Amino acid sequence: MSTESHIRPMAVDLENAMDAAWPALEKQAAGGWILRAAEGVTQRANSVWPRDLSGHSEQNLPALLREARSWYRSRRLPVIFQLFDTPAASALHQLLDAEGFTSQSETLVMTRRATDVPVPAGARPAVELSMEPSQEWLRVWWTVDGRGGEDALAVAGKILRGCPSLYALARDDDGRRAAVGRLALPAGSNQGGLYCMATLPEARLTSTVLGIRHRDPHRAGVRRRLLQHGGPGLNHIKVSKARQACVVTHQGFFKDQVSQ
């Protein structure tokens, strides 16, 4: 077994780390599935995580789906599944297709070792690091990626603070806020996750990852970093020495949402 294959994270490790890095405000276990809700703010925090697919036969899946539908209907939320594109999920994919669920988004998950990367030559932005998201940090991220008003932003802030993280805010040459990033550090995991990488449209920065890398990543117990990327550029993102780990899809059935 090669060193790389030995340290490559298993799908279950990635799923656990991703769940901890973006924690829902409300969770309930249902037959090996985890039902998650956060007042409708972000798909990840308001989705079914079918954590234990191998422990269920195809005959059990319809009953689990009915339970999930009832749980989300009582919260006036649509039913959305977060699924890894793995053979273990094939039976559930087939059931959701038959039930009229549609793919809402795809997220490419890539991993690489937590070693220092040479910084490109040229100017580097001024970067401020903190263990809490400042109001400036939140405003930059929400301007780029936010969905909703002040109430939704407040909920998003609770999600972010649910996992120990390092926050980076980059400024341009004139000292104006320009870009942000977040390195989530889930407790009990040796993986760190890069999230909330957002640059204001008017800002132009170097390709440096906002200085969010630890000079000594092992101080935080991080052996491997994972990066999630979604959107139109799904197949075009390139990260030095990063390996594609999996593709995560969100499948939703929005007719289950109760009129408000």
C-alpha atoms as a PDB file:
ATOM      1  CA  MET A   1       0.000   0.000   0.000  1.00  0.00           C
ATOM      2  CA  SER A   2       1.431   3.365  -0.980  1.00  0.00           C
ATOM      3  CA  THR A   3       1.799   6.201   1.503  1.00  0.00           C
ATOM      4  CA  GLU A   4      -0.723   8.272  -0.459  1.00  0.00           C
ATOM      5  CA  SER A   5      -3.381   5.553  -0.515  1.00  0.00           C
ATOM      6  CA  HIS A   6      -2.753   4.884   3.172  1.00  0.00           C
ATOM      7  CA  ILE A   7      -3.590   8.458   4.201  1.00  0.00           C
ATOM      8  CA  ARG A   8      -6.304   9.062   1.607  1.00  0.00           C
ATOM      9  CA  PRO A   9      -9.525   9.647   3.566  1.00  0.00           C
ATOM     10  CA  MET A  10     -12.325   7.115   3.313  1.00  0.00           C
ATOM     11  CA  ALA A  11     -15.755   8.352   2.234  1.00  0.00           C
ATOM     12  CA  VAL A  12     -17.149   7.905   5.739  1.00  0.00           C
ATOM     13  CA  ASP A  13     -14.323  10.019   7.171  1.00  0.00           C
ATOM     14  CA  LEU A  14     -15.060  12.770   4.661  1.00  0.00           C
ATOM     15  CA  GLU A  15     -18.776  12.664   5.407  1.00  0.00           C
ATOM     16  CA  ASN A  16     -18.195  12.906   9.162  1.00  0.00           C
ATOM     17  CA  ALA A  17     -15.752  15.785   8.733  1.00  0.00           C
ATOM     18  CA  MET A  18     -18.064  17.651   6.356  1.00  0.00           C
ATOM     19  CA  ASP A  19     -21.031  17.251   8.695  1.00  0.00           C
ATOM     20  CA  ALA A  20     -19.017  18.564  11.642  1.00  0.00           C
ATOM     21  CA  ALA A  21     -17.567  21.447   9.619  1.00  0.00           C
ATOM     22  CA  TRP A  22     -21.007  22.738   8.594  1.00  0.00           C
ATOM     23  CA  PRO A  23     -23.226  21.743  11.536  1.00  0.00           C
ATOM     24  CA  ALA A  24     -26.983  21.988  11.395  1.00  0.00           C
ATOM     25  CA  LEU A  25     -28.735  23.698  14.289  1.00  0.00           C
ATOM     26  CA  GLU A  26     -31.098  20.760  14.698  1.00  0.00           C
ATOM     27  CA  LYS A  27     -30.391  17.066  14.131  1.00  0.00           C
ATOM     28  CA  GLN A  28     -32.323  13.861  14.562  1.00  0.00           C
ATOM     29  CA  ALA A  29     -31.201  10.297  13.929  1.00  0.00           C
ATOM     30  CA  ALA A  30     -33.630   8.192  11.911  1.00  0.00           C
ATOM     31  CA  GLY A  31     -32.613   4.616  11.228  1.00  0.00           C
ATOM     32  CA  GLY A  32     -29.015   5.429  10.380  1.00  0.00           C
ATOM     33  CA  TRP A  33     -29.936   8.630   8.545  1.00  0.00           C
ATOM     34  CA  ILE A  34     -29.338  12.053  10.055  1.00  0.00           C
ATOM     35  CA  LEU A  35     -32.102  14.604   9.506  1.00  0.00           C
ATOM     36  CA  ARG A  36     -30.699  18.150   9.655  1.00  0.00           C
ATOM     37  CA  ALA A  37     -32.383  21.538   9.775  1.00  0.00           C
ATOM     38  CA  ALA A  38     -31.331  25.161  10.232  1.00  0.00           C
ATOM     39  CA  GLU A  39     -34.384  27.269   9.396  1.00  0.00           C
ATOM     40  CA  GLY A  40     -33.815  26.717   5.679  1.00  0.00           C
ATOM     41  CA  VAL A  41     -30.429  28.477   5.575  1.00  0.00           C
ATOM     42  CA  THR A  42     -28.010  26.616   3.233  1.00  0.00           C
ATOM     43  CA  GLN A  43     -28.767  23.269   1.631  1.00  0.00           C
ATOM     44  CA  ARG A  44     -26.114  21.373   3.566  1.00  0.00           C
ATOM     45  CA  ALA A  45     -27.548  22.323   6.962  1.00  0.00           C
ATOM     46  CA  ASN A  46     -31.087  21.487   5.816  1.00  0.00           C
ATOM     47  CA  SER A  47     -30.605  18.109   4.235  1.00  0.00           C
ATOM     48  CA  VAL A  48     -30.829  14.394   4.933  1.00  0.00           C
ATOM     49  CA  TRP A  49     -27.444  12.795   5.446  1.00  0.00           C
ATOM     50  CA  PRO A  50     -27.950   9.059   4.820  1.00  0.00           C
ATOM     51  CA  ARG A  51     -24.958   8.187   6.967  1.00  0.00           C
ATOM     52  CA  ASP A  52     -25.409   4.421   7.070  1.00  0.00           C
ATOM     53  CA  LEU A  53     -26.492   3.196   3.642  1.00  0.00           C
ATOM     54  CA  SER A  54     -24.880  -0.212   3.895  1.00  0.00           C
ATOM     55  CA  GLY A  55     -26.997  -1.131   6.905  1.00  0.00           C
ATOM     56  CA  HIS A  56     -30.324  -0.950   5.050  1.00  0.00           C
ATOM     57  CA  SER A  57     -31.926  -3.110   2.424  1.00  0.00           C
ATOM     58  CA  GLU A  58     -33.771  -1.605  -0.518  1.00  0.00           C
ATOM     59  CA  GLN A  59     -37.029  -2.646   1.171  1.00  0.00           C
ATOM     60  CA  ASN A  60     -36.305  -0.379   4.156  1.00  0.00           C
ATOM     61  CA  LEU A  61     -35.631   2.761   2.143  1.00  0.00           C
ATOM     62  CA  PRO A  62     -39.275   3.773   1.419  1.00  0.00           C
ATOM     63  CA  ALA A  63     -40.136   3.754   5.148  1.00  0.00           C
ATOM     64  CA  LEU A  64     -37.083   5.883   5.943  1.00  0.00           C
ATOM     65  CA  LEU A  65     -38.062   8.301   3.191  1.00  0.00           C
ATOM     66  CA  ARG A  66     -41.593   8.618   4.613  1.00  0.00           C
ATOM     67  CA  GLU A  67     -40.167   9.432   8.038  1.00  0.00           C
ATOM     68  CA  ALA A  68     -37.854  12.061   6.550  1.00  0.00           C
ATOM     69  CA  ARG A  69     -40.722  13.643   4.621  1.00  0.00           C
ATOM     70  CA  SER A  70     -42.835  13.875   7.746  1.00  0.00           C
ATOM     71  CA  TRP A  71     -39.978  15.432   9.752  1.00  0.00           C
ATOM     72  CA  TYR A  72     -39.264  18.144   7.180  1.00  0.00           C
ATOM     73  CA  ARG A  73     -42.936  18.808   6.492  1.00  0.00           C
ATOM     74  CA  SER A  74     -43.452  19.581  10.184  1.00  0.00           C
ATOM     75  CA  ARG A  75     -40.727  22.241   9.868  1.00  0.00           C
ATOM     76  CA  ARG A  76     -42.110  23.669   6.616  1.00  0.00           C
ATOM     77  CA  LEU A  77     -38.954  22.676   4.758  1.00  0.00           C
ATOM     78  CA  PRO A  78     -38.405  20.782   1.503  1.00  0.00           C
ATOM     79  CA  VAL A  79     -36.794  17.348   1.602  1.00  0.00           C
ATOM     80  CA  ILE A  80     -33.216  17.546   0.323  1.00  0.00           C
ATOM     81  CA  PHE A  81     -30.703  14.709   0.354  1.00  0.00           C
ATOM     82  CA  GLN A  82     -26.945  15.148   0.460  1.00  0.00           C
ATOM     83  CA  LEU A  83     -25.555  12.117  -1.344  1.00  0.00           C
ATOM     84  CA  PHE A  84     -22.050  10.994  -2.135  1.00  0.00           C
ATOM     85  CA  ASP A  85     -21.679   9.564  -5.625  1.00  0.00           C
ATOM     86  CA  THR A  86     -20.712   6.087  -4.454  1.00  0.00           C
ATOM     87  CA  PRO A  87     -21.954   2.551  -5.264  1.00  0.00           C
ATOM     88  CA  ALA A  88     -23.518   2.309  -1.796  1.00  0.00           C
ATOM     89  CA  ALA A  89     -25.896   5.146  -2.688  1.00  0.00           C
ATOM     90  CA  SER A  90     -27.153   3.625  -5.964  1.00  0.00           C
ATOM     91  CA  ALA A  91     -30.333   2.088  -4.510  1.00  0.00           C
ATOM     92  CA  LEU A  92     -31.273   5.357  -2.809  1.00  0.00           C
ATOM     93  CA  HIS A  93     -30.562   7.281  -6.003  1.00  0.00           C
ATOM     94  CA  GLN A  94     -32.947   4.976  -7.854  1.00  0.00           C
ATOM     95  CA  LEU A  95     -35.674   5.430  -5.248  1.00  0.00           C
ATOM     96  CA  LEU A  96     -35.349   9.214  -5.280  1.00  0.00           C
ATOM     97  CA  ASP A  97     -35.485   9.250  -9.077  1.00  0.00           C
ATOM     98  CA  ALA A  98     -38.672   7.165  -8.980  1.00  0.00           C
ATOM     99  CA  GLU A  99     -40.176   9.514  -6.369  1.00  0.00           C
ATOM    100  CA  GLY A 100     -39.575  12.590  -8.527  1.00  0.00           C
ATOM    101  CA  PHE A 101     -36.540  14.045  -6.772  1.00  0.00           C
ATOM    102  CA  THR A 102     -34.267  16.134  -8.965  1.00  0.00           C
ATOM    103  CA  SER A 103     -30.592  17.053  -8.689  1.00  0.00           C
ATOM    104  CA  GLN A 104     -30.278  20.603  -7.350  1.00  0.00           C
ATOM    105  CA  SER A 105     -26.512  21.064  -7.219  1.00  0.00           C
ATOM    106  CA  GLU A 106     -23.200  19.253  -7.350  1.00  0.00           C
ATOM    107  CA  THR A 107     -20.155  19.813  -5.174  1.00  0.00           C
ATOM    108  CA  LEU A 108     -16.703  18.571  -6.091  1.00  0.00           C
ATOM    109  CA  VAL A 109     -14.704  17.497  -3.041  1.00  0.00           C
ATOM    110  CA  MET A 110     -10.915  17.460  -3.344  1.00  0.00           C
ATOM    111  CA  THR A 111      -8.264  16.642  -0.771  1.00  0.00           C
ATOM    112  CA  ARG A 112      -4.539  17.216  -0.360  1.00  0.00           C
ATOM    113  CA  ARG A 113      -1.934  16.796   2.326  1.00  0.00           C
ATOM    114  CA  ALA A 114      -1.640  19.562   4.882  1.00  0.00           C
ATOM    115  CA  THR A 115       1.860  20.647   3.863  1.00  0.00           C
ATOM    116  CA  ASP A 116       3.038  24.125   3.039  1.00  0.00           C
ATOM    117  CA  VAL A 117       2.617  25.250  -0.550  1.00  0.00           C
ATOM    118  CA  PRO A 118       5.154  27.645  -2.126  1.00  0.00           C
ATOM    119  CA  VAL A 119       3.631  31.123  -2.263  1.00  0.00           C
ATOM    120  CA  PRO A 120       3.525  32.542  -5.811  1.00  0.00           C
ATOM    121  CA  ALA A 121       5.905  35.375  -6.509  1.00  0.00           C
ATOM    122  CA  GLY A 122       4.468  38.859  -6.519  1.00  0.00           C
ATOM    123  CA  ALA A 123       2.388  40.999  -4.237  1.00  0.00           C
ATOM    124  CA  ARG A 124       0.520  39.319  -1.404  1.00  0.00           C
ATOM    125  CA  PRO A 125      -2.677  40.710   0.071  1.00  0.00           C
ATOM    126  CA  ALA A 126      -2.772  41.814   3.693  1.00  0.00           C
ATOM    127  CA  VAL A 127      -4.496  39.003   5.568  1.00  0.00           C
ATOM    128  CA  GLU A 128      -6.118  39.136   8.994  1.00  0.00           C
ATOM    129  CA  LEU A 129      -6.664  35.843  10.832  1.00  0.00           C
ATOM    130  CA  SER A 130      -9.087  35.232  13.673  1.00  0.00           C
ATOM    131  CA  MET A 131     -10.913  32.414  15.425  1.00  0.00           C
ATOM    132  CA  GLU A 132     -14.293  34.151  15.082  1.00  0.00           C
ATOM    133  CA  PRO A 133     -15.995  35.617  11.999  1.00  0.00           C
ATOM    134  CA  SER A 134     -15.984  39.400  12.301  1.00  0.00           C
ATOM    135  CA  GLN A 135     -18.823  41.524  10.971  1.00  0.00           C
ATOM    136  CA  GLU A 136     -16.582  42.549   8.077  1.00  0.00           C
ATOM    137  CA  TRP A 137     -15.842  38.908   7.294  1.00  0.00           C
ATOM    138  CA  LEU A 138     -19.531  38.003   7.376  1.00  0.00           C
ATOM    139  CA  ARG A 139     -20.456  40.926   5.107  1.00  0.00           C
ATOM    140  CA  VAL A 140     -17.946  39.941   2.432  1.00  0.00           C
ATOM    141  CA  TRP A 141     -19.017  36.301   2.446  1.00  0.00           C
ATOM    142  CA  TRP A 142     -22.736  37.087   2.501  1.00  0.00           C
ATOM    143  CA  THR A 143     -22.394  39.640  -0.304  1.00  0.00           C
ATOM    144  CA  VAL A 144     -20.913  36.944  -2.545  1.00  0.00           C
ATOM    145  CA  ASP A 145     -22.639  33.744  -1.418  1.00  0.00           C
ATOM    146  CA  GLY A 146     -25.513  34.803   0.811  1.00  0.00           C
ATOM    147  CA  ARG A 147     -29.140  33.860   0.214  1.00  0.00           C
ATOM    148  CA  GLY A 148     -31.549  35.915   2.286  1.00  0.00           C
ATOM    149  CA  GLY A 149     -31.632  38.891   4.603  1.00  0.00           C
ATOM    150  CA  GLU A 150     -30.383  39.686   8.080  1.00  0.00           C
ATOM    151  CA  ASP A 151     -32.287  36.857   9.761  1.00  0.00           C
ATOM    152  CA  ALA A 152     -30.735  34.313   7.383  1.00  0.00           C
ATOM    153  CA  LEU A 153     -27.279  35.795   7.983  1.00  0.00           C
ATOM    154  CA  ALA A 154     -27.756  35.420  11.736  1.00  0.00           C
ATOM    155  CA  VAL A 155     -28.594  31.727  11.285  1.00  0.00           C
ATOM    156  CA  ALA A 156     -25.582  31.281   8.989  1.00  0.00           C
ATOM    157  CA  GLY A 157     -23.386  32.805  11.690  1.00  0.00           C
ATOM    158  CA  LYS A 158     -24.607  30.185  14.163  1.00  0.00           C
ATOM    159  CA  ILE A 159     -23.763  27.426  11.680  1.00  0.00           C
ATOM    160  CA  LEU A 160     -20.244  28.765  11.190  1.00  0.00           C
ATOM    161  CA  ARG A 161     -19.617  29.103  14.925  1.00  0.00           C
ATOM    162  CA  GLY A 162     -20.758  25.531  15.488  1.00  0.00           C
ATOM    163  CA  CYS A 163     -17.312  24.250  14.475  1.00  0.00           C
ATOM    164  CA  PRO A 164     -13.905  25.562  15.606  1.00  0.00           C
ATOM    165  CA  SER A 165     -12.480  27.450  12.629  1.00  0.00           C
ATOM    166  CA  LEU A 166      -9.841  29.853  11.436  1.00  0.00           C
ATOM    167  CA  TYR A 167     -11.159  32.860   9.501  1.00  0.00           C
ATOM    168  CA  ALA A 168      -9.136  34.869   6.993  1.00  0.00           C
ATOM    169  CA  LEU A 169      -9.979  38.348   5.713  1.00  0.00           C
ATOM    170  CA  ALA A 170      -7.847  39.778   2.910  1.00  0.00           C
ATOM    171  CA  ARG A 171      -7.623  43.475   2.097  1.00  0.00           C
ATOM    172  CA  ASP A 172      -6.525  45.176  -1.101  1.00  0.00           C
ATOM    173  CA  ASP A 173      -3.688  47.693  -1.391  1.00  0.00           C
ATOM    174  CA  ASP A 174      -6.006  50.456  -0.200  1.00  0.00           C
ATOM    175  CA  GLY A 175      -6.997  48.564   2.921  1.00  0.00           C
ATOM    176  CA  ARG A 176     -10.490  47.743   1.703  1.00  0.00           C
ATOM    177  CA  ARG A 177     -11.958  44.331   2.488  1.00  0.00           C
ATOM    178  CA  ALA A 178     -11.646  42.122  -0.563  1.00  0.00           C
ATOM    179  CA  ALA A 179     -11.908  38.391   0.129  1.00  0.00           C
ATOM    180  CA  VAL A 180     -12.540  35.839   2.867  1.00  0.00           C
ATOM    181  CA  GLY A 181     -12.021  32.180   3.617  1.00  0.00           C
ATOM    182  CA  ARG A 182     -12.648  29.715   6.438  1.00  0.00           C
ATOM    183  CA  LEU A 183     -10.635  26.709   7.576  1.00  0.00           C
ATOM    184  CA  ALA A 184     -12.948  24.473   9.605  1.00  0.00           C
ATOM    185  CA  LEU A 185     -11.212  22.315  12.212  1.00  0.00           C
ATOM    186  CA  PRO A 186     -13.697  19.622  13.320  1.00  0.00           C
ATOM    187  CA  ALA A 187     -12.989  18.265  16.788  1.00  0.00           C
ATOM    188  CA  GLY A 188     -11.656  14.725  16.792  1.00  0.00           C
ATOM    189  CA  SER A 189     -10.754  14.802  13.091  1.00  0.00           C
ATOM    190  CA  ASN A 190      -7.359  15.136  11.447  1.00  0.00           C
ATOM    191  CA  GLN A 191      -8.953  16.870   8.472  1.00  0.00           C
ATOM    192  CA  GLY A 192      -9.471  20.569   7.937  1.00  0.00           C
ATOM    193  CA  GLY A 193     -12.006  21.882   5.455  1.00  0.00           C
ATOM    194  CA  LEU A 194     -11.759  25.027   3.337  1.00  0.00           C
ATOM    195  CA  TYR A 195     -15.117  26.787   3.104  1.00  0.00           C
ATOM    196  CA  CYS A 196     -16.584  30.185   2.290  1.00  0.00           C
ATOM    197  CA  MET A 197     -13.880  31.148  -0.200  1.00  0.00           C
ATOM    198  CA  ALA A 198     -15.353  34.389  -1.536  1.00  0.00           C
ATOM    199  CA  THR A 199     -13.912  37.436  -3.321  1.00  0.00           C
ATOM    200  CA  LEU A 200     -15.838  40.645  -3.885  1.00  0.00           C
ATOM    201  CA  PRO A 201     -16.402  41.242  -7.624  1.00  0.00           C
ATOM    202  CA  GLU A 202     -14.504  44.521  -7.581  1.00  0.00           C
ATOM    203  CA  ALA A 203     -11.459  43.014  -5.847  1.00  0.00           C
ATOM    204  CA  ARG A 204      -8.459  41.519  -7.619  1.00  0.00           C
ATOM    205  CA  LEU A 205      -6.063  39.406  -5.557  1.00  0.00           C
ATOM    206  CA  THR A 206      -3.243  36.978  -6.182  1.00  0.00           C
ATOM    207  CA  SER A 207      -3.900  33.250  -6.277  1.00  0.00           C
ATOM    208  CA  THR A 208      -2.663  32.834  -2.708  1.00  0.00           C
ATOM    209  CA  VAL A 209      -5.290  31.073  -0.590  1.00  0.00           C
ATOM    210  CA  LEU A 210      -5.686  34.125   1.661  1.00  0.00           C
ATOM    211  CA  GLY A 211      -2.862  33.053   3.946  1.00  0.00           C
ATOM    212  CA  ILE A 212      -5.306  30.688   5.610  1.00  0.00           C
ATOM    213  CA  ARG A 213      -2.743  27.888   5.589  1.00  0.00           C
ATOM    214  CA  HIS A 214      -1.123  27.212   8.925  1.00  0.00           C
ATOM    215  CA  ARG A 215       2.648  27.570   8.747  1.00  0.00           C
ATOM    216  CA  ASP A 216       2.665  24.420  10.815  1.00  0.00           C
ATOM    217  CA  PRO A 217      -0.679  22.678  10.077  1.00  0.00           C
ATOM    218  CA  HIS A 218       0.126  19.803  12.415  1.00  0.00           C
ATOM    219  CA  ARG A 219      -0.189  22.184  15.378  1.00  0.00           C
ATOM    220  CA  ALA A 220      -3.924  22.022  14.791  1.00  0.00           C
ATOM    221  CA  GLY A 221      -3.847  18.262  14.266  1.00  0.00           C
ATOM    222  CA  VAL A 222      -4.623  18.646  10.568  1.00  0.00           C
ATOM    223  CA  ARG A 223      -3.041  16.040   8.298  1.00  0.00           C
ATOM    224  CA  ARG A 224      -5.249  16.617   5.286  1.00  0.00           C
ATOM    225  CA  ARG A 225      -7.368  19.462   3.954  1.00  0.00           C
ATOM    226  CA  LEU A 226     -10.537  19.095   1.954  1.00  0.00           C
ATOM    227  CA  LEU A 227     -11.898  21.668  -0.461  1.00  0.00           C
ATOM    228  CA  GLN A 228     -15.495  21.787  -1.636  1.00  0.00           C
ATOM    229  CA  HIS A 229     -16.414  23.602  -4.812  1.00  0.00           C
ATOM    230  CA  GLY A 230     -19.787  23.918  -6.480  1.00  0.00           C
ATOM    231  CA  GLY A 231     -21.331  25.882  -9.302  1.00  0.00           C
ATOM    232  CA  PRO A 232     -20.716  26.370 -13.019  1.00  0.00           C
ATOM    233  CA  GLY A 233     -16.943  26.003 -12.640  1.00  0.00           C
ATOM    234  CA  LEU A 234     -17.274  22.522 -11.176  1.00  0.00           C
ATOM    235  CA  ASN A 235     -15.125  20.862 -13.817  1.00  0.00           C
ATOM    236  CA  HIS A 236     -12.608  23.664 -14.197  1.00  0.00           C
ATOM    237  CA  ILE A 237     -11.237  24.313 -10.723  1.00  0.00           C
ATOM    238  CA  LYS A 238      -7.606  23.328 -10.251  1.00  0.00           C
ATOM    239  CA  VAL A 239      -5.793  23.030  -6.931  1.00  0.00           C
ATOM    240  CA  SER A 240      -2.104  22.166  -6.732  1.00  0.00           C
ATOM    241  CA  LYS A 241      -1.517  18.516  -5.771  1.00  0.00           C
ATOM    242  CA  ALA A 242      -5.172  18.053  -4.869  1.00  0.00           C
ATOM    243  CA  ARG A 243      -6.967  14.799  -5.627  1.00  0.00           C
ATOM    244  CA  GLN A 244     -10.651  14.487  -6.452  1.00  0.00           C
ATOM    245  CA  ALA A 245     -12.180  12.552  -3.584  1.00  0.00           C
ATOM    246  CA  CYS A 246     -15.831  12.428  -4.648  1.00  0.00           C
ATOM    247  CA  VAL A 247     -18.783  14.342  -6.001  1.00  0.00           C
ATOM    248  CA  VAL A 248     -21.641  15.224  -3.644  1.00  0.00           C
ATOM    249  CA  THR A 249     -25.112  15.904  -5.029  1.00  0.00           C
ATOM    250  CA  HIS A 250     -28.088  17.587  -3.389  1.00  0.00           C
ATOM    251  CA  GLN A 251     -31.382  16.111  -4.541  1.00  0.00           C
ATOM    252  CA  GLY A 252     -34.608  17.825  -3.566  1.00  0.00           C
ATOM    253  CA  PHE A 253     -38.358  17.360  -3.732  1.00  0.00           C
ATOM    254  CA  PHE A 254     -39.805  20.788  -3.166  1.00  0.00           C
ATOM    255  CA  LYS A 255     -43.476  19.816  -3.430  1.00  0.00           C
ATOM    256  CA  ASP A 256     -43.159  18.575   0.161  1.00  0.00           C
ATOM    257  CA  GLN A 257     -42.745  22.134   1.396  1.00  0.00           C
ATOM    258  CA  VAL A 258     -45.809  23.360   3.252  1.00  0.00           C
ATOM    259  CA  SER A 259     -47.215  26.704   2.155  1.00  0.00           C
ATOM    260  CA  GLN A 260     -46.251  29.481   4.541  1.00  0.00           C
END
